[in-house]
Amino acid sequence: MSEPLTLDRVRADVAELLYLEPSDVDDSADLLGEGLDSVRILSLVERWRLTGVEITFIELAERPTVLAWWQLLSGRLSDG
């Protein structure tokens, strides 16, 4: 069973793909500019879908910041 999706988890998942510590991720930074590429975004889509949240590559690519992603993802979390 996968760990619940939280802002901290989103930040940690992004940090892992950028080879950073979660505390080094700027939540409002353009992640494409920070080195996140389309393959890594696709891996996040699949990872987060496993938690039960439906999200698309296009949605993430259009607004590539941790805060924008969390806003999208948190609005789709189910309560149970």
C-alpha atoms as a PDB file:
ATOM      1  CA  MET A   1       0.000   0.000   0.000  1.00  0.00           C
ATOM      2  CA  SER A   2       1.337   3.401  -0.894  1.00  0.00           C
ATOM      3  CA  GLU A   3       1.944   6.228   1.548  1.00  0.00           C
ATOM      4  CA  PRO A   4      -0.748   8.946   1.632  1.00  0.00           C
ATOM      5  CA  LEU A   5      -0.269  11.959  -0.590  1.00  0.00           C
ATOM      6  CA  THR A   6       0.646  15.091   1.356  1.00  0.00           C
ATOM      7  CA  LEU A   7       2.464  18.302   0.519  1.00  0.00           C
ATOM      8  CA  ASP A   8       5.546  16.878   2.241  1.00  0.00           C
ATOM      9  CA  ARG A   9       5.305  13.730   0.113  1.00  0.00           C
ATOM     10  CA  VAL A  10       4.982  15.765  -3.104  1.00  0.00           C
ATOM     11  CA  ARG A  11       8.029  17.820  -2.101  1.00  0.00           C
ATOM     12  CA  ALA A  12       9.991  14.669  -1.203  1.00  0.00           C
ATOM     13  CA  ASP A  13       9.066  12.970  -4.492  1.00  0.00           C
ATOM     14  CA  VAL A  14      10.238  16.000  -6.458  1.00  0.00           C
ATOM     15  CA  ALA A  15      13.411  16.269  -4.379  1.00  0.00           C
ATOM     16  CA  GLU A  16      14.243  12.628  -5.035  1.00  0.00           C
ATOM     17  CA  LEU A  17      14.066  13.143  -8.801  1.00  0.00           C
ATOM     18  CA  LEU A  18      16.175  16.307  -8.621  1.00  0.00           C
ATOM     19  CA  TYR A  19      18.736  14.681  -6.287  1.00  0.00           C
ATOM     20  CA  LEU A  20      17.990  17.212  -3.565  1.00  0.00           C
ATOM     21  CA  GLU A  21      16.927  17.137   0.041  1.00  0.00           C
ATOM     22  CA  PRO A  22      13.221  17.995   0.461  1.00  0.00           C
ATOM     23  CA  SER A  23      14.220  21.071   2.465  1.00  0.00           C
ATOM     24  CA  ASP A  24      16.172  22.330  -0.564  1.00  0.00           C
ATOM     25  CA  VAL A  25      13.114  22.347  -2.844  1.00  0.00           C
ATOM     26  CA  ASP A  26      11.620  25.796  -3.400  1.00  0.00           C
ATOM     27  CA  ASP A  27       7.862  25.206  -3.521  1.00  0.00           C
ATOM     28  CA  SER A  28       7.323  28.125  -5.897  1.00  0.00           C
ATOM     29  CA  ALA A  29      10.280  27.488  -8.238  1.00  0.00           C
ATOM     30  CA  ASP A  30       9.725  26.497 -11.864  1.00  0.00           C
ATOM     31  CA  LEU A  31      10.667  22.832 -11.691  1.00  0.00           C
ATOM     32  CA  LEU A  32      11.430  22.657 -15.401  1.00  0.00           C
ATOM     33  CA  GLY A  33      14.050  25.335 -14.836  1.00  0.00           C
ATOM     34  CA  GLU A  34      15.372  23.327 -11.900  1.00  0.00           C
ATOM     35  CA  GLY A  35      16.019  20.326 -14.152  1.00  0.00           C
ATOM     36  CA  LEU A  36      12.828  18.289 -14.014  1.00  0.00           C
ATOM     37  CA  ASP A  37      12.193  16.807 -17.453  1.00  0.00           C
ATOM     38  CA  SER A  38       9.178  15.199 -19.104  1.00  0.00           C
ATOM     39  CA  VAL A  39      10.227  11.643 -18.242  1.00  0.00           C
ATOM     40  CA  ARG A  40      10.476  12.541 -14.566  1.00  0.00           C
ATOM     41  CA  ILE A  41       7.113  14.327 -14.658  1.00  0.00           C
ATOM     42  CA  LEU A  42       5.575  11.187 -16.161  1.00  0.00           C
ATOM     43  CA  SER A  43       7.064   9.138 -13.341  1.00  0.00           C
ATOM     44  CA  LEU A  44       5.411  11.493 -10.822  1.00  0.00           C
ATOM     45  CA  VAL A  45       2.074  11.141 -12.622  1.00  0.00           C
ATOM     46  CA  GLU A  46       2.287   7.353 -12.293  1.00  0.00           C
ATOM     47  CA  ARG A  47       3.502   7.504  -8.688  1.00  0.00           C
ATOM     48  CA  TRP A  48       0.681   9.811  -7.635  1.00  0.00           C
ATOM     49  CA  ARG A  49      -1.939   7.846  -9.557  1.00  0.00           C
ATOM     50  CA  LEU A  50      -1.005   4.872  -7.383  1.00  0.00           C
ATOM     51  CA  THR A  51      -2.265   6.887  -4.412  1.00  0.00           C
ATOM     52  CA  GLY A  52      -5.651   7.154  -6.130  1.00  0.00           C
ATOM     53  CA  VAL A  53      -5.337  10.698  -7.478  1.00  0.00           C
ATOM     54  CA  GLU A  54      -6.096  11.160 -11.167  1.00  0.00           C
ATOM     55  CA  ILE A  55      -3.694  13.654 -12.686  1.00  0.00           C
ATOM     56  CA  THR A  56      -2.293  14.117 -16.184  1.00  0.00           C
ATOM     57  CA  PHE A  57       1.085  15.016 -17.563  1.00  0.00           C
ATOM     58  CA  ILE A  58      -0.352  18.121 -19.232  1.00  0.00           C
ATOM     59  CA  GLU A  59      -1.790  19.403 -15.936  1.00  0.00           C
ATOM     60  CA  LEU A  60       1.591  19.136 -14.264  1.00  0.00           C
ATOM     61  CA  ALA A  61       3.576  20.492 -17.219  1.00  0.00           C
ATOM     62  CA  GLU A  62       1.380  23.590 -17.477  1.00  0.00           C
ATOM     63  CA  ARG A  63       2.114  24.739 -13.915  1.00  0.00           C
ATOM     64  CA  PRO A  64       5.423  23.180 -12.838  1.00  0.00           C
ATOM     65  CA  THR A  65       5.733  24.213  -9.208  1.00  0.00           C
ATOM     66  CA  VAL A  66       5.263  22.165  -6.056  1.00  0.00           C
ATOM     67  CA  LEU A  67       2.596  24.586  -4.803  1.00  0.00           C
ATOM     68  CA  ALA A  68       0.586  24.461  -8.040  1.00  0.00           C
ATOM     69  CA  TRP A  69       0.827  20.685  -8.102  1.00  0.00           C
ATOM     70  CA  TRP A  70      -0.268  20.393  -4.506  1.00  0.00           C
ATOM     71  CA  GLN A  71      -3.249  22.648  -5.218  1.00  0.00           C
ATOM     72  CA  LEU A  72      -4.299  20.333  -8.066  1.00  0.00           C
ATOM     73  CA  LEU A  73      -3.597  17.107  -6.207  1.00  0.00           C
ATOM     74  CA  SER A  74      -5.137  18.077  -2.871  1.00  0.00           C
ATOM     75  CA  GLY A  75      -8.385  19.014  -4.603  1.00  0.00           C
ATOM     76  CA  ARG A  76      -8.628  15.463  -5.909  1.00  0.00           C
ATOM     77  CA  LEU A  77      -7.817  13.520  -2.763  1.00  0.00           C
ATOM     78  CA  SER A  78     -10.586  11.222  -1.665  1.00  0.00           C
ATOM     79  CA  ASP A  79     -11.623  11.091   1.951  1.00  0.00           C
ATOM     80  CA  GLY A  80     -11.678   7.402   2.039  1.00  0.00           C
END
